[in-house]
PDB file of N, CA and C in Angstrom:
ATOM      1  N   UNK A   1       0.845  -1.180   0.000  1.00  0.00           N
ATOM      2  CA  UNK A   1       0.000   0.000   0.000  1.00  0.00           C
ATOM      3  C   UNK A   1       0.887   1.238   0.000  1.00  0.00           C
ATOM      4  N   UNK A   2       0.663   2.110  -0.930  1.00  0.00           N
ATOM      5  CA  UNK A   2       1.472   3.324  -1.069  1.00  0.00           C
ATOM      6  C   UNK A   2       1.358   4.239   0.146  1.00  0.00           C
ATOM      7  N   UNK A   3       0.186   4.243   0.771  1.00  0.00           N
ATOM      8  CA  UNK A   3       0.015   5.081   1.951  1.00  0.00           C
ATOM      9  C   UNK A   3       0.890   4.593   3.096  1.00  0.00           C
ATOM     10  N   UNK A   4       0.974   3.295   3.299  1.00  0.00           N
ATOM     11  CA  UNK A   4       1.820   2.758   4.368  1.00  0.00           C
ATOM     12  C   UNK A   4       3.283   3.083   4.128  1.00  0.00           C
ATOM     13  N   UNK A   5       3.707   3.034   2.871  1.00  0.00           N
ATOM     14  CA  UNK A   5       5.090   3.399   2.549  1.00  0.00           C
ATOM     15  C   UNK A   5       5.338   4.871   2.844  1.00  0.00           C
ATOM     16  N   UNK A   6       4.377   5.712   2.473  1.00  0.00           N
ATOM     17  CA  UNK A   6       4.512   7.148   2.740  1.00  0.00           C
ATOM     18  C   UNK A   6       4.507   7.420   4.242  1.00  0.00           C
ATOM     19  N   UNK A   7       3.648   6.740   4.993  1.00  0.00           N
ATOM     20  CA  UNK A   7       3.590   6.927   6.444  1.00  0.00           C
ATOM     21  C   UNK A   7       4.914   6.516   7.091  1.00  0.00           C
ATOM     22  N   UNK A   8       5.511   5.428   6.615  1.00  0.00           N
ATOM     23  CA  UNK A   8       6.780   4.963   7.165  1.00  0.00           C
ATOM     24  C   UNK A   8       7.887   5.991   6.943  1.00  0.00           C
ATOM     25  N   UNK A   9       7.830   6.678   5.819  1.00  0.00           N
ATOM     26  CA  UNK A   9       8.879   7.647   5.479  1.00  0.00           C
ATOM     27  C   UNK A   9       8.581   9.036   6.052  1.00  0.00           C
ATOM     28  N   UNK A  10       7.319   9.475   5.943  1.00  0.00           N
ATOM     29  CA  UNK A  10       6.949  10.843   6.305  1.00  0.00           C
ATOM     30  C   UNK A  10       6.197  10.976   7.628  1.00  0.00           C
ATOM     31  N   UNK A  11       5.676   9.862   8.137  1.00  0.00           N
ATOM     32  CA  UNK A  11       4.812   9.911   9.315  1.00  0.00           C
ATOM     33  C   UNK A  11       3.354   9.966   8.864  1.00  0.00           C
ATOM     34  N   UNK A  12       2.466   9.720   9.787  1.00  0.00           N
ATOM     35  CA  UNK A  12       1.038   9.689   9.473  1.00  0.00           C
ATOM     36  C   UNK A  12       0.496  11.118   9.425  1.00  0.00           C
ATOM     37  N   UNK A  13      -0.203  11.448   8.368  1.00  0.00           N
ATOM     38  CA  UNK A  13      -0.800  12.771   8.208  1.00  0.00           C
ATOM     39  C   UNK A  13      -2.091  12.872   9.008  1.00  0.00           C
ATOM     40  N   UNK A  14      -2.425  14.086   9.398  1.00  0.00           N
ATOM     41  CA  UNK A  14      -3.706  14.319  10.065  1.00  0.00           C
ATOM     42  C   UNK A  14      -4.818  14.450   9.041  1.00  0.00           C
ATOM     43  N   UNK A  15      -4.463  14.951   7.871  1.00  0.00           N
ATOM     44  CA  UNK A  15      -5.447  15.079   6.798  1.00  0.00           C
ATOM     45  C   UNK A  15      -4.756  14.915   5.452  1.00  0.00           C
ATOM     46  N   UNK A  16      -5.528  14.436   4.485  1.00  0.00           N
ATOM     47  CA  UNK A  16      -5.025  14.237   3.132  1.00  0.00           C
ATOM     48  C   UNK A  16      -6.039  14.818   2.161  1.00  0.00           C
ATOM     49  N   UNK A  17      -5.558  15.682   1.261  1.00  0.00           N
ATOM     50  CA  UNK A  17      -6.429  16.274   0.243  1.00  0.00           C
ATOM     51  C   UNK A  17      -6.165  15.573  -1.082  1.00  0.00           C
ATOM     52  N   UNK A  18      -7.246  15.161  -1.732  1.00  0.00           N
ATOM     53  CA  UNK A  18      -7.146  14.468  -3.015  1.00  0.00           C
ATOM     54  C   UNK A  18      -8.177  15.025  -3.974  1.00  0.00           C
ATOM     55  N   UNK A  19      -7.991  14.698  -5.249  1.00  0.00           N
ATOM     56  CA  UNK A  19      -9.018  15.061  -6.216  1.00  0.00           C
ATOM     57  C   UNK A  19     -10.172  14.070  -6.079  1.00  0.00           C
ATOM     58  N   UNK A  20     -11.163  14.203  -6.907  1.00  0.00           N
ATOM     59  CA  UNK A  20     -12.361  13.373  -6.814  1.00  0.00           C
ATOM     60  C   UNK A  20     -12.287  12.132  -7.699  1.00  0.00           C
ATOM     61  N   UNK A  21     -11.098  11.604  -7.876  1.00  0.00           N
ATOM     62  CA  UNK A  21     -10.933  10.396  -8.668  1.00  0.00           C
ATOM     63  C   UNK A  21     -11.681   9.215  -8.055  1.00  0.00           C
ATOM     64  N   UNK A  22     -12.190   8.371  -8.924  1.00  0.00           N
ATOM     65  CA  UNK A  22     -12.995   7.222  -8.480  1.00  0.00           C
ATOM     66  C   UNK A  22     -12.244   6.363  -7.466  1.00  0.00           C
ATOM     67  N   UNK A  23     -10.952   6.173  -7.676  1.00  0.00           N
ATOM     68  CA  UNK A  23     -10.162   5.325  -6.775  1.00  0.00           C
ATOM     69  C   UNK A  23     -10.116   5.873  -5.355  1.00  0.00           C
ATOM     70  N   UNK A  24     -10.205   7.197  -5.228  1.00  0.00           N
ATOM     71  CA  UNK A  24     -10.107   7.820  -3.909  1.00  0.00           C
ATOM     72  C   UNK A  24     -11.452   7.911  -3.192  1.00  0.00           C
ATOM     73  N   UNK A  25     -12.509   7.536  -3.866  1.00  0.00           N
ATOM     74  CA  UNK A  25     -13.841   7.596  -3.265  1.00  0.00           C
ATOM     75  C   UNK A  25     -14.309   6.235  -2.758  1.00  0.00           C
ATOM     76  N   UNK A  26     -13.510   5.220  -2.918  1.00  0.00           N
ATOM     77  CA  UNK A  26     -13.930   3.863  -2.580  1.00  0.00           C
ATOM     78  C   UNK A  26     -14.133   3.703  -1.069  1.00  0.00           C
ATOM     79  N   UNK A  27     -14.973   2.758  -0.730  1.00  0.00           N
ATOM     80  CA  UNK A  27     -15.235   2.452   0.675  1.00  0.00           C
ATOM     81  C   UNK A  27     -13.965   1.967   1.368  1.00  0.00           C
ATOM     82  N   UNK A  28     -13.139   1.243   0.643  1.00  0.00           N
ATOM     83  CA  UNK A  28     -11.890   0.716   1.207  1.00  0.00           C
ATOM     84  C   UNK A  28     -10.960   1.851   1.636  1.00  0.00           C
ATOM     85  N   UNK A  29     -10.824   2.861   0.800  1.00  0.00           N
ATOM     86  CA  UNK A  29      -9.984   4.017   1.140  1.00  0.00           C
ATOM     87  C   UNK A  29     -10.569   4.756   2.338  1.00  0.00           C
ATOM     88  N   UNK A  30     -11.888   4.956   2.326  1.00  0.00           N
ATOM     89  CA  UNK A  30     -12.541   5.655   3.429  1.00  0.00           C
ATOM     90  C   UNK A  30     -12.314   4.917   4.748  1.00  0.00           C
ATOM     91  N   UNK A  31     -12.438   3.606   4.732  1.00  0.00           N
ATOM     92  CA  UNK A  31     -12.216   2.798   5.941  1.00  0.00           C
ATOM     93  C   UNK A  31     -10.759   2.872   6.389  1.00  0.00           C
ATOM     94  N   UNK A  32      -9.836   2.850   5.432  1.00  0.00           N
ATOM     95  CA  UNK A  32      -8.411   2.945   5.755  1.00  0.00           C
ATOM     96  C   UNK A  32      -8.115   4.265   6.455  1.00  0.00           C
ATOM     97  N   UNK A  33      -8.608   5.370   5.913  1.00  0.00           N
ATOM     98  CA  UNK A  33      -8.369   6.676   6.536  1.00  0.00           C
ATOM     99  C   UNK A  33      -9.023   6.759   7.909  1.00  0.00           C
ATOM    100  N   UNK A  34     -10.210   6.213   8.039  1.00  0.00           N
ATOM    101  CA  UNK A  34     -10.895   6.214   9.335  1.00  0.00           C
ATOM    102  C   UNK A  34     -10.084   5.425  10.363  1.00  0.00           C
ATOM    103  N   UNK A  35      -9.576   4.273   9.969  1.00  0.00           N
ATOM    104  CA  UNK A  35      -8.771   3.438  10.854  1.00  0.00           C
ATOM    105  C   UNK A  35      -7.529   4.180  11.348  1.00  0.00           C
ATOM    106  N   UNK A  36      -6.910   4.947  10.491  1.00  0.00           N
ATOM    107  CA  UNK A  36      -5.701   5.687  10.831  1.00  0.00           C
ATOM    108  C   UNK A  36      -5.983   7.069  11.409  1.00  0.00           C
ATOM    109  N   UNK A  37      -7.261   7.459  11.497  1.00  0.00           N
ATOM    110  CA  UNK A  37      -7.619   8.765  12.060  1.00  0.00           C
ATOM    111  C   UNK A  37      -7.256   9.931  11.160  1.00  0.00           C
ATOM    112  N   UNK A  38      -7.361   9.719   9.856  1.00  0.00           N
ATOM    113  CA  UNK A  38      -6.989  10.742   8.874  1.00  0.00           C
ATOM    114  C   UNK A  38      -8.245  11.385   8.309  1.00  0.00           C
ATOM    115  N   UNK A  39      -8.253  12.713   8.283  1.00  0.00           N
ATOM    116  CA  UNK A  39      -9.356  13.453   7.678  1.00  0.00           C
ATOM    117  C   UNK A  39      -9.136  13.471   6.170  1.00  0.00           C
ATOM    118  N   UNK A  40     -10.113  12.998   5.423  1.00  0.00           N
ATOM    119  CA  UNK A  40     -10.017  12.915   3.968  1.00  0.00           C
ATOM    120  C   UNK A  40     -10.724  14.122   3.361  1.00  0.00           C
ATOM    121  N   UNK A  41      -9.972  14.992   2.731  1.00  0.00           N
ATOM    122  CA  UNK A  41     -10.521  16.206   2.132  1.00  0.00           C
ATOM    123  C   UNK A  41     -10.548  16.040   0.622  1.00  0.00           C
ATOM    124  N   UNK A  42     -11.703  16.288   0.040  1.00  0.00           N
ATOM    125  CA  UNK A  42     -11.861  16.180  -1.404  1.00  0.00           C
ATOM    126  C   UNK A  42     -11.809  17.579  -2.018  1.00  0.00           C
ATOM    127  N   UNK A  43     -11.109  17.713  -3.140  1.00  0.00           N
ATOM    128  CA  UNK A  43     -11.020  18.987  -3.838  1.00  0.00           C
ATOM    129  C   UNK A  43     -12.318  19.323  -4.548  1.00  0.00           C
ATOM    130  N   UNK A  44     -12.402  20.546  -4.998  1.00  0.00           N
ATOM    131  CA  UNK A  44     -13.576  21.019  -5.726  1.00  0.00           C
ATOM    132  C   UNK A  44     -13.514  20.465  -7.149  1.00  0.00           C
ATOM    133  N   UNK A  45     -14.543  19.729  -7.588  1.00  0.00           N
ATOM    134  CA  UNK A  45     -14.514  19.157  -8.945  1.00  0.00           C
ATOM    135  C   UNK A  45     -14.417  20.231 -10.029  1.00  0.00           C
ATOM    136  N   UNK A  46     -13.620  19.960 -11.043  1.00  0.00           N
ATOM    137  CA  UNK A  46     -13.470  20.821 -12.231  1.00  0.00           C
ATOM    138  C   UNK A  46     -13.010  22.234 -11.890  1.00  0.00           C
ATOM    139  N   UNK A  47     -12.268  22.380 -10.812  1.00  0.00           N
ATOM    140  CA  UNK A  47     -11.772  23.693 -10.420  1.00  0.00           C
ATOM    141  C   UNK A  47     -10.247  23.661 -10.394  1.00  0.00           C
ATOM    142  N   UNK A  48      -9.633  24.336 -11.334  1.00  0.00           N
ATOM    143  CA  UNK A  48      -8.170  24.317 -11.386  1.00  0.00           C
ATOM    144  C   UNK A  48      -7.560  25.018 -10.177  1.00  0.00           C
ATOM    145  N   UNK A  49      -8.211  26.060  -9.681  1.00  0.00           N
ATOM    146  CA  UNK A  49      -7.661  26.748  -8.513  1.00  0.00           C
ATOM    147  C   UNK A  49      -7.889  25.940  -7.241  1.00  0.00           C
ATOM    148  N   UNK A  50      -9.021  25.270  -7.140  1.00  0.00           N
ATOM    149  CA  UNK A  50      -9.304  24.442  -5.977  1.00  0.00           C
ATOM    150  C   UNK A  50      -8.442  23.207  -5.919  1.00  0.00           C
ATOM    151  N   UNK A  51      -7.933  22.792  -7.054  1.00  0.00           N
ATOM    152  CA  UNK A  51      -7.113  21.589  -7.140  1.00  0.00           C
ATOM    153  C   UNK A  51      -5.636  21.919  -7.339  1.00  0.00           C
ATOM    154  N   UNK A  52      -5.262  23.170  -7.270  1.00  0.00           N
ATOM    155  CA  UNK A  52      -3.910  23.570  -7.673  1.00  0.00           C
ATOM    156  C   UNK A  52      -2.808  22.849  -6.911  1.00  0.00           C
ATOM    157  N   UNK A  53      -2.932  22.701  -5.611  1.00  0.00           N
ATOM    158  CA  UNK A  53      -1.883  22.033  -4.840  1.00  0.00           C
ATOM    159  C   UNK A  53      -1.815  20.562  -5.219  1.00  0.00           C
ATOM    160  N   UNK A  54      -2.972  19.931  -5.330  1.00  0.00           N
ATOM    161  CA  UNK A  54      -3.011  18.519  -5.705  1.00  0.00           C
ATOM    162  C   UNK A  54      -2.447  18.315  -7.099  1.00  0.00           C
ATOM    163  N   UNK A  55      -2.882  19.129  -8.047  1.00  0.00           N
ATOM    164  CA  UNK A  55      -2.417  18.991  -9.421  1.00  0.00           C
ATOM    165  C   UNK A  55      -0.927  19.289  -9.534  1.00  0.00           C
ATOM    166  N   UNK A  56      -0.442  20.225  -8.758  1.00  0.00           N
ATOM    167  CA  UNK A  56       0.982  20.546  -8.784  1.00  0.00           C
ATOM    168  C   UNK A  56       1.806  19.347  -8.315  1.00  0.00           C
ATOM    169  N   UNK A  57       1.305  18.654  -7.304  1.00  0.00           N
ATOM    170  CA  UNK A  57       2.010  17.472  -6.802  1.00  0.00           C
ATOM    171  C   UNK A  57       2.087  16.384  -7.866  1.00  0.00           C
ATOM    172  N   UNK A  58       1.028  16.266  -8.654  1.00  0.00           N
ATOM    173  CA  UNK A  58       0.997  15.263  -9.718  1.00  0.00           C
ATOM    174  C   UNK A  58       1.595  15.782 -11.022  1.00  0.00           C
ATOM    175  N   UNK A  59       1.863  17.085 -11.081  1.00  0.00           N
ATOM    176  CA  UNK A  59       2.426  17.730 -12.277  1.00  0.00           C
ATOM    177  C   UNK A  59       1.535  17.571 -13.500  1.00  0.00           C
ATOM    178  N   UNK A  60       0.225  17.831 -13.310  1.00  0.00           N
ATOM    179  CA  UNK A  60      -0.693  17.753 -14.442  1.00  0.00           C
ATOM    180  C   UNK A  60      -1.154  19.127 -14.847  1.00  0.00           C
TER     181      UNK A  60
END
């Protein structure tokens, strides 16, 4: 799991902001974040300014 690798290197985040991709909306992801006590923040759909930090990280 990529999140576990990131947590091992960076520590566990209190919150994670993501775009509204289908993979990030799954029940499995929601349960994983709940288990780890992470607040899952979804970006504003179709908003380049609302997604700017997320998109910059992905370089899109």
